[in-house]
Amino acid sequence: MITAIVAFFIAGYLCIALESVIKVNKAATAIIMCVGCWVMYAVGGLCPGSLEEVIGKNLGEAGTTLFFLLGAMTIVEVVDKHGGFNPVRKLLQTHSKRALLWKMSILTAFLSAVLDNLTTSIVMIMLLRKLIYDRDARLIYASMIIIAANSGGAFSPIGDVTTIMLWNGGFITALGVISEIFIPSMISFLIPCFILQYQLHGEVGGAEDNEEAVRQTALGRPQRTAIFCLGVGGLCCVPAFHMATELPPFLGILCVLGILWAVTEIFYRQHPEDDDKAMRVTQLLPRVDLSTILFFLGILMAVSVLAEVGVLAALGEWLDDTIHSHYLVTGTIGVLSAIVDNVPLVAGSMQMYPIAEMGDMAQDGIFWQLLAYCAGVGGSMLIIGSAAGVMVMGLEKITFGWYMKKISWVAALGYVAGIGVYYVEKMIF
């Protein structure tokens, strides 16, 4: 039955990859794949305990990501509709398409280190939609946002779910991962940016100013500024909320959304005109792409079945027995993270390998730092290999095949170059 589950997962994965060929929405495929894997898991008697408890546990883990995504997308939408990102758009605006690619990539990388790669991707895609109308060019920018967000999240202890896991588990320290992984992470997105710029020609055209949206609301500048500060400031405080309370980040996101929602209701209470209703949170919520949420749910829950039946753990053990170089093991884990979710891969590695007193497996050792880098950056090689990629795929309707043909090899080149730079760092220092 385990073989059947793996085969069904691979078949579903291929259908997602061939979405543009079979003309079936990837969300529908992901849901069918998820349900099919869980049915075989239940019918095959593979659950060692209560089936309800196992499903509840995995659904809870997936739900933290889904609610985080839902809250962040809503907050960004509210802030954007009130013109909150106009100053950032003006900072990014340039006549050169190539200059815009560099500005956007660098800003994305550093924002993802402060926020996280998922939230940053949402913010940057919303900004991109206001700057670029050309569909072909926007796909290049969106792909570079994925790469830069994953690279920036890899060198920060709060920039990616996997680095948070390793940091909280004591496998890496904040100073260690920043000092050792910063340069490799920069290389991993600067090289793709350098290559992809040659696919862009001419000047930026069709940029939209959001002043029209601002004119549609009766709120004054102080109130719009308050909405911006609450929204963006709240997003920046989510990592601190997580560290201070040890509660899941999605609760911090929901807290920010609740406060922002209440404040906007109070502001609009003084302006009961019907025109203002379109700017309220209740009217902006339906704008969130639910197909992306459902796609995310299907993928995460399907991968959780592979983790429950021990496929991911067995894969990690096989890598350890077959490959004896930590560079190759972690590099392979990074490649696998582009195929399946990097969270169970890192979780499995943390359970398989205990922290040693000294050497490569010690705290901030080569293995753990490389794992943080590879699991974060490796997901850029396929569009469904990271949370940021899945989100951008849904928002910009990027097909799996297009990304694999145009972007995967560029992301892989940056990924390998970053590992090489880390190797040179260790050889020199």
Protein backbone atom coordinates (compact mmCIF):
# COMPACT_ATOMS: atom_id res chain seq x y z
CA MET A 1 0.00 0.00 0.00
CA ILE A 2 2.92 2.35 0.66
CA THR A 3 4.05 1.81 -2.92
CA ALA A 4 0.55 2.68 -4.13
CA ILE A 5 0.56 5.89 -2.08
CA VAL A 6 3.91 6.96 -3.51
CA ALA A 7 2.77 6.11 -7.05
CA PHE A 8 -0.47 8.07 -6.60
CA PHE A 9 1.47 11.04 -5.23
CA ILE A 10 3.86 10.97 -8.20
CA ALA A 11 0.93 10.74 -10.61
CA GLY A 12 -0.73 13.73 -8.96
CA TYR A 13 2.54 15.63 -9.01
CA LEU A 14 2.90 15.00 -12.74
CA CYS A 15 -0.65 16.23 -13.35
CA ILE A 16 0.18 19.44 -11.51
CA ALA A 17 3.34 19.79 -13.58
CA LEU A 18 1.34 19.27 -16.80
CA GLU A 19 -1.51 21.61 -15.84
CA SER A 20 -1.14 23.61 -19.05
CA VAL A 21 -1.41 20.39 -21.10
CA ILE A 22 -4.27 18.56 -19.37
CA LYS A 23 -6.21 21.79 -18.72
CA VAL A 24 -7.18 20.83 -15.16
CA ASN A 25 -6.65 23.38 -12.40
CA LYS A 26 -3.79 22.45 -10.11
CA ALA A 27 -5.93 23.04 -7.02
CA ALA A 28 -8.37 20.34 -8.11
CA THR A 29 -5.49 17.94 -8.77
CA ALA A 30 -3.90 18.67 -5.40
CA ILE A 31 -7.17 18.04 -3.56
CA ILE A 32 -7.73 14.73 -5.36
CA MET A 33 -4.13 13.71 -4.68
CA CYS A 34 -4.53 14.59 -1.00
CA VAL A 35 -7.78 12.68 -0.53
CA GLY A 36 -6.52 9.68 -2.49
CA CYS A 37 -3.35 9.37 -0.42
CA TRP A 38 -5.29 9.61 2.84
CA VAL A 39 -7.88 7.05 1.68
CA MET A 40 -5.14 4.53 0.88
CA TYR A 41 -3.47 5.31 4.20
CA ALA A 42 -6.71 4.58 6.05
CA VAL A 43 -7.83 1.55 4.03
CA GLY A 44 -4.37 0.01 4.15
CA GLY A 45 -4.36 -0.03 7.94
CA LEU A 46 -1.11 1.98 8.07
CA CYS A 47 -2.19 4.20 10.97
CA PRO A 48 -0.64 2.93 14.23
CA GLY A 49 -3.14 4.80 16.42
CA SER A 50 -6.26 6.90 16.07
CA LEU A 51 -6.82 8.00 12.49
CA GLU A 52 -8.68 11.10 13.66
CA GLU A 53 -5.73 12.17 15.81
CA VAL A 54 -3.24 11.71 12.96
CA ILE A 55 -5.38 13.69 10.52
CA GLY A 56 -6.03 16.36 13.14
CA LYS A 57 -2.33 16.73 13.88
CA ASN A 58 -1.36 17.13 10.22
CA LEU A 59 -4.33 19.36 9.46
CA GLY A 60 -3.32 21.56 12.37
CA GLU A 61 0.22 21.85 11.04
CA ALA A 62 -1.04 22.65 7.54
CA GLY A 63 -3.60 25.08 8.95
CA THR A 64 -0.92 27.22 10.56
CA THR A 65 0.53 27.90 7.11
CA LEU A 66 -2.85 28.40 5.47
CA PHE A 67 -4.10 30.89 8.07
CA PHE A 68 -0.76 32.69 7.92
CA LEU A 69 -1.15 32.98 4.15
CA LEU A 70 -4.79 34.09 4.37
CA GLY A 71 -4.05 36.73 7.01
CA ALA A 72 -0.97 38.10 5.26
CA MET A 73 -2.70 38.34 1.88
CA THR A 74 -5.64 40.19 3.43
CA ILE A 75 -3.42 42.64 5.33
CA VAL A 76 -1.42 43.42 2.20
CA GLU A 77 -4.61 43.92 0.20
CA VAL A 78 -6.03 46.36 2.78
CA VAL A 79 -2.81 48.38 2.98
CA ASP A 80 -2.43 48.46 -0.80
CA LYS A 81 -6.01 49.58 -1.42
CA HIS A 82 -5.41 52.54 0.85
CA GLY A 83 -2.27 53.55 -1.04
CA GLY A 84 0.11 52.33 1.64
CA PHE A 85 2.68 50.98 -0.81
CA ASN A 86 2.81 54.05 -3.01
CA PRO A 87 6.12 55.29 -1.49
CA VAL A 88 7.71 51.87 -2.04
CA ARG A 89 6.44 51.79 -5.62
CA LYS A 90 7.94 55.20 -6.23
CA LEU A 91 11.25 53.93 -4.82
CA LEU A 92 11.17 51.01 -7.26
CA GLN A 93 10.02 52.96 -10.28
CA THR A 94 12.62 53.31 -13.01
CA HIS A 95 12.65 53.55 -16.79
CA SER A 96 14.86 50.48 -17.20
CA LYS A 97 13.35 47.01 -16.91
CA ARG A 98 16.73 45.60 -15.92
CA ALA A 99 17.24 48.22 -13.21
CA LEU A 100 13.80 47.38 -11.83
CA LEU A 101 14.74 43.69 -11.70
CA TRP A 102 17.84 44.45 -9.62
CA LYS A 103 16.00 46.84 -7.29
CA MET A 104 13.14 44.42 -6.75
CA SER A 105 15.42 41.41 -6.21
CA ILE A 106 17.63 43.11 -3.64
CA LEU A 107 14.67 44.60 -1.77
CA THR A 108 12.92 41.21 -1.76
CA ALA A 109 15.98 39.41 -0.38
CA PHE A 110 16.46 41.75 2.56
CA LEU A 111 12.75 42.08 3.32
CA SER A 112 12.41 38.28 3.50
CA ALA A 113 15.18 38.18 6.09
CA VAL A 114 13.27 40.64 8.28
CA LEU A 115 9.77 39.34 7.64
CA ASP A 116 9.75 35.89 6.02
CA ASN A 117 9.85 34.66 2.44
CA LEU A 118 6.10 34.01 2.21
CA THR A 119 4.93 37.42 3.48
CA THR A 120 7.59 39.21 1.45
CA SER A 121 6.53 37.42 -1.74
CA ILE A 122 2.94 38.51 -1.20
CA VAL A 123 3.97 42.14 -0.69
CA MET A 124 6.29 42.19 -3.70
CA ILE A 125 3.77 40.55 -6.04
CA MET A 126 1.19 43.16 -5.07
CA LEU A 127 3.74 45.89 -5.85
CA LEU A 128 4.74 44.20 -9.10
CA ARG A 129 1.16 44.26 -10.35
CA LYS A 130 1.15 48.04 -10.02
CA LEU A 131 4.45 48.44 -11.89
CA ILE A 132 4.37 45.96 -14.77
CA TYR A 133 1.45 45.21 -17.06
CA ASP A 134 3.35 43.21 -19.69
CA ARG A 135 2.52 39.55 -18.94
CA ASP A 136 5.77 38.03 -20.26
CA ALA A 137 7.97 40.49 -18.39
CA ARG A 138 5.97 40.13 -15.18
CA LEU A 139 6.57 36.36 -15.15
CA ILE A 140 10.32 37.00 -15.12
CA TYR A 141 10.00 39.46 -12.25
CA ALA A 142 7.68 37.12 -10.32
CA SER A 143 10.12 34.22 -10.73
CA MET A 144 12.97 36.36 -9.50
CA ILE A 145 10.88 37.33 -6.48
CA ILE A 146 10.61 33.62 -5.61
CA ILE A 147 14.37 33.09 -5.90
CA ALA A 148 15.30 36.25 -3.98
CA ALA A 149 12.73 35.62 -1.22
CA ASN A 150 13.97 32.07 -0.62
CA SER A 151 17.62 33.17 -0.69
CA GLY A 152 17.01 36.04 1.72
CA GLY A 153 15.06 33.81 4.08
CA ALA A 154 17.88 31.22 4.22
CA PHE A 155 20.46 33.40 5.98
CA SER A 156 18.05 34.70 8.63
CA PRO A 157 16.90 32.68 11.65
CA ILE A 158 13.37 34.06 11.16
CA GLY A 159 13.30 34.24 7.37
CA ASP A 160 12.03 30.73 6.64
CA VAL A 161 10.07 28.04 8.45
CA THR A 162 13.03 25.65 8.29
CA THR A 163 15.52 28.13 9.72
CA ILE A 164 13.06 28.88 12.52
CA MET A 165 12.86 25.13 13.23
CA LEU A 166 16.65 24.73 13.29
CA TRP A 167 17.11 27.86 15.39
CA ASN A 168 14.46 26.94 17.95
CA GLY A 169 15.89 23.42 18.13
CA GLY A 170 19.35 24.72 19.00
CA PHE A 171 20.98 23.34 15.83
CA ILE A 172 22.04 26.80 14.65
CA THR A 173 22.47 30.19 16.28
CA ALA A 174 21.30 33.52 14.88
CA LEU A 175 24.84 34.95 14.67
CA GLY A 176 26.22 31.74 13.20
CA VAL A 177 23.74 31.39 10.35
CA ILE A 178 23.86 35.08 9.45
CA SER A 179 27.65 35.28 9.39
CA GLU A 180 28.22 31.99 7.54
CA ILE A 181 25.28 31.81 5.14
CA PHE A 182 24.87 35.49 4.20
CA ILE A 183 27.35 35.53 1.29
CA PRO A 184 26.26 32.14 -0.18
CA SER A 185 22.63 33.29 -0.02
CA MET A 186 23.47 36.53 -1.79
CA ILE A 187 25.32 34.65 -4.53
CA SER A 188 22.38 32.26 -4.96
CA PHE A 189 20.09 35.07 -6.14
CA LEU A 190 22.58 37.55 -7.66
CA ILE A 191 23.69 35.04 -10.30
CA PRO A 192 20.10 34.28 -11.44
CA CYS A 193 19.35 38.02 -11.46
CA PHE A 194 22.40 38.65 -13.64
CA ILE A 195 21.27 35.97 -16.11
CA LEU A 196 17.57 36.82 -16.19
CA GLN A 197 18.18 40.52 -16.83
CA TYR A 198 19.10 39.63 -20.41
CA GLN A 199 15.54 38.40 -21.01
CA LEU A 200 14.27 41.92 -20.35
CA HIS A 201 14.56 44.66 -22.94
CA GLY A 202 13.42 48.24 -23.23
CA GLU A 203 11.77 50.49 -20.73
CA VAL A 204 9.08 49.96 -18.14
CA GLY A 205 5.65 50.84 -19.46
CA GLY A 206 2.10 50.71 -18.18
CA ALA A 207 2.92 51.39 -14.56
CA GLU A 208 -0.16 52.08 -12.51
CA ASP A 209 -0.39 54.61 -9.77
CA ASN A 210 -2.66 53.72 -6.89
CA GLU A 211 -3.79 57.28 -6.37
CA GLU A 212 -7.08 56.38 -8.06
CA ALA A 213 -7.78 53.85 -5.30
CA VAL A 214 -6.87 56.44 -2.71
CA ARG A 215 -9.38 58.88 -4.19
CA GLN A 216 -12.12 56.30 -3.82
CA THR A 217 -11.92 56.41 -0.04
CA ALA A 218 -13.00 59.23 2.19
CA LEU A 219 -10.16 58.61 4.64
CA GLY A 220 -7.61 61.35 5.07
CA ARG A 221 -3.84 61.03 4.94
CA PRO A 222 -3.41 60.54 8.75
CA GLN A 223 -5.88 57.66 8.73
CA ARG A 224 -4.28 56.04 5.67
CA THR A 225 -0.88 56.42 7.33
CA ALA A 226 -2.22 54.71 10.44
CA ILE A 227 -3.47 51.80 8.30
CA PHE A 228 -0.05 51.49 6.67
CA CYS A 229 1.79 51.54 10.01
CA LEU A 230 -0.55 49.02 11.57
CA GLY A 231 -0.39 46.69 8.57
CA VAL A 232 3.29 46.76 7.65
CA GLY A 233 4.47 47.40 11.21
CA GLY A 234 2.36 44.50 12.39
CA LEU A 235 3.86 42.18 9.76
CA CYS A 236 7.35 43.18 10.88
CA CYS A 237 6.45 42.41 14.49
CA VAL A 238 5.18 38.88 13.79
CA PRO A 239 8.67 37.29 14.18
CA ALA A 240 9.10 39.10 17.50
CA PHE A 241 5.64 37.91 18.58
CA HIS A 242 6.66 34.34 17.79
CA MET A 243 9.92 34.59 19.71
CA ALA A 244 8.36 36.32 22.71
CA THR A 245 5.32 34.07 23.11
CA GLU A 246 6.51 30.86 21.37
CA LEU A 247 3.09 30.79 19.73
CA PRO A 248 2.77 29.93 16.00
CA PRO A 249 3.37 32.92 13.67
CA PHE A 250 -0.13 32.60 12.21
CA LEU A 251 -1.59 33.81 15.52
CA GLY A 252 0.52 36.93 15.23
CA ILE A 253 -0.75 37.48 11.69
CA LEU A 254 -4.36 37.03 12.81
CA CYS A 255 -3.77 39.44 15.70
CA VAL A 256 -2.52 42.09 13.27
CA LEU A 257 -5.46 41.44 10.94
CA GLY A 258 -7.96 41.73 13.80
CA ILE A 259 -6.52 45.03 15.00
CA LEU A 260 -6.34 46.43 11.46
CA TRP A 261 -9.90 45.30 10.78
CA ALA A 262 -11.22 46.96 13.95
CA VAL A 263 -9.35 50.21 13.29
CA THR A 264 -10.61 50.49 9.70
CA GLU A 265 -14.17 49.85 10.89
CA ILE A 266 -13.80 52.70 13.38
CA PHE A 267 -12.41 55.00 10.69
CA TYR A 268 -15.19 54.21 8.23
CA ARG A 269 -17.87 54.52 10.88
CA GLN A 270 -17.54 58.26 10.46
CA HIS A 271 -18.05 57.91 6.68
CA PRO A 272 -21.20 55.83 6.09
CA GLU A 273 -21.29 56.48 2.33
CA ASP A 274 -21.91 53.42 0.19
CA ASP A 275 -18.82 54.12 -1.92
CA ASP A 276 -16.57 53.44 1.06
CA LYS A 277 -17.95 49.95 1.64
CA ALA A 278 -15.75 48.57 -1.15
CA MET A 279 -12.65 49.56 0.85
CA ARG A 280 -13.60 47.70 4.03
CA VAL A 281 -12.05 44.41 5.07
CA THR A 282 -15.34 42.54 4.63
CA GLN A 283 -15.36 43.50 0.95
CA LEU A 284 -11.64 42.88 0.41
CA LEU A 285 -11.65 39.36 1.87
CA PRO A 286 -13.36 37.81 -1.19
CA ARG A 287 -10.48 39.13 -3.30
CA VAL A 288 -8.15 36.58 -1.69
CA ASP A 289 -7.40 33.76 -4.12
CA LEU A 290 -9.04 30.75 -2.47
CA SER A 291 -7.80 28.37 -5.18
CA THR A 292 -4.26 29.06 -3.98
CA ILE A 293 -5.29 28.28 -0.40
CA LEU A 294 -6.90 25.00 -1.46
CA PHE A 295 -3.89 24.08 -3.59
CA PHE A 296 -1.64 24.69 -0.62
CA LEU A 297 -3.89 22.54 1.56
CA GLY A 298 -3.83 19.66 -0.91
CA ILE A 299 -0.05 19.71 -1.31
CA LEU A 300 0.73 19.94 2.41
CA MET A 301 -1.73 17.22 3.40
CA ALA A 302 -0.56 14.88 0.62
CA VAL A 303 3.07 15.30 1.67
CA SER A 304 2.08 14.64 5.28
CA VAL A 305 0.96 11.13 4.25
CA LEU A 306 4.45 10.44 2.90
CA ALA A 307 5.85 11.57 6.24
CA GLU A 308 3.39 9.41 8.21
CA VAL A 309 4.26 6.21 6.33
CA GLY A 310 7.96 6.85 6.83
CA VAL A 311 8.90 7.47 3.20
CA LEU A 312 10.67 10.77 3.93
CA ALA A 313 12.57 9.36 6.92
CA ALA A 314 13.63 6.31 4.92
CA LEU A 315 14.81 8.57 2.15
CA GLY A 316 16.96 10.51 4.60
CA GLU A 317 18.49 7.33 6.00
CA TRP A 318 19.25 6.08 2.50
CA LEU A 319 21.01 9.35 1.71
CA ASP A 320 23.09 9.06 4.87
CA ASP A 321 24.10 5.47 4.10
CA THR A 322 24.79 6.08 0.41
CA ILE A 323 26.41 9.51 0.41
CA HIS A 324 29.13 10.16 2.96
CA SER A 325 29.79 13.83 2.24
CA HIS A 326 27.80 16.37 4.20
CA TYR A 327 27.94 18.72 1.23
CA LEU A 328 26.37 16.08 -1.03
CA VAL A 329 23.80 14.95 1.58
CA THR A 330 22.54 18.44 2.33
CA GLY A 331 22.78 19.38 -1.35
CA THR A 332 20.59 16.40 -2.23
CA ILE A 333 18.13 17.33 0.51
CA GLY A 334 17.94 20.77 -1.07
CA VAL A 335 17.12 19.25 -4.47
CA LEU A 336 14.47 17.03 -2.85
CA SER A 337 12.98 20.09 -1.13
CA ALA A 338 12.13 21.37 -4.61
CA ILE A 339 9.95 18.28 -5.09
CA VAL A 340 8.39 17.81 -1.67
CA ASP A 341 7.87 20.25 1.17
CA ASN A 342 11.12 21.22 2.90
CA VAL A 343 9.54 21.27 6.36
CA PRO A 344 9.16 17.47 6.74
CA LEU A 345 12.60 16.97 5.20
CA VAL A 346 14.24 19.24 7.76
CA ALA A 347 12.11 17.81 10.56
CA GLY A 348 13.20 14.32 9.57
CA SER A 349 16.86 15.37 9.50
CA MET A 350 16.55 16.92 12.96
CA GLN A 351 15.18 13.64 14.29
CA MET A 352 17.74 11.47 12.49
CA TYR A 353 20.89 13.35 13.41
CA PRO A 354 21.52 14.42 17.03
CA ILE A 355 23.65 17.46 17.85
CA ALA A 356 27.26 16.46 18.47
CA GLU A 357 29.66 18.06 20.93
CA MET A 358 32.01 19.13 18.14
CA GLY A 359 32.63 18.68 14.44
CA ASP A 360 30.30 19.04 11.45
CA MET A 361 27.25 17.90 13.43
CA ALA A 362 27.81 20.31 16.35
CA GLN A 363 25.75 23.46 16.83
CA ASP A 364 26.50 25.76 13.88
CA GLY A 365 28.40 22.90 12.28
CA ILE A 366 28.74 22.51 8.53
CA PHE A 367 25.87 20.05 8.27
CA TRP A 368 23.28 22.22 10.03
CA GLN A 369 24.27 25.48 8.36
CA LEU A 370 24.26 23.84 4.95
CA LEU A 371 20.89 22.27 5.75
CA ALA A 372 19.48 25.74 6.49
CA TYR A 373 20.87 27.05 3.20
CA CYS A 374 19.96 24.08 1.00
CA ALA A 375 16.44 23.54 2.34
CA GLY A 376 15.65 27.23 1.88
CA VAL A 377 17.32 27.98 -1.45
CA GLY A 378 16.80 24.55 -3.05
CA GLY A 379 13.05 25.07 -3.18
CA SER A 380 13.52 27.75 -5.84
CA MET A 381 14.45 25.15 -8.45
CA LEU A 382 10.80 24.16 -8.92
CA ILE A 383 7.89 26.54 -8.52
CA ILE A 384 6.08 24.22 -6.08
CA GLY A 385 9.24 23.65 -4.05
CA SER A 386 8.59 26.45 -1.57
CA ALA A 387 5.72 28.26 0.09
CA ALA A 388 6.72 31.43 -1.74
CA GLY A 389 6.70 29.60 -5.07
CA VAL A 390 3.29 28.05 -4.50
CA MET A 391 1.83 31.40 -3.52
CA VAL A 392 3.30 33.22 -6.54
CA MET A 393 2.19 30.36 -8.79
CA GLY A 394 -1.36 30.87 -7.65
CA LEU A 395 -1.38 34.66 -7.78
CA GLU A 396 0.36 35.07 -11.14
CA LYS A 397 -0.94 31.85 -12.76
CA ILE A 398 2.57 30.65 -13.61
CA THR A 399 2.56 27.13 -15.03
CA PHE A 400 4.89 24.44 -13.74
CA GLY A 401 6.22 23.75 -17.24
CA TRP A 402 7.06 27.37 -18.02
CA TYR A 403 8.97 27.80 -14.78
CA MET A 404 10.87 24.53 -15.23
CA LYS A 405 11.85 25.46 -18.78
CA LYS A 406 12.76 29.10 -18.19
CA ILE A 407 13.79 29.44 -14.55
CA SER A 408 14.74 26.11 -12.95
CA TRP A 409 18.20 25.87 -14.52
CA VAL A 410 18.98 29.47 -13.53
CA ALA A 411 17.91 28.85 -9.93
CA ALA A 412 19.91 25.61 -9.85
CA LEU A 413 23.03 27.46 -11.03
CA GLY A 414 22.71 29.98 -8.21
CA TYR A 415 22.01 27.18 -5.71
CA VAL A 416 25.17 25.25 -6.64
CA ALA A 417 27.25 28.45 -6.73
CA GLY A 418 26.15 29.28 -3.18
CA ILE A 419 27.26 25.84 -1.93
CA GLY A 420 30.59 26.39 -3.68
CA VAL A 421 31.06 29.75 -2.00
CA TYR A 422 30.29 28.22 1.40
CA TYR A 423 32.89 25.50 0.72
CA VAL A 424 35.50 28.14 -0.14
CA GLU A 425 34.62 30.07 3.04
CA LYS A 426 35.28 26.99 5.15
CA MET A 427 38.50 26.23 3.32
CA ILE A 428 39.82 29.76 3.90
CA PHE A 429 38.53 30.41 7.39
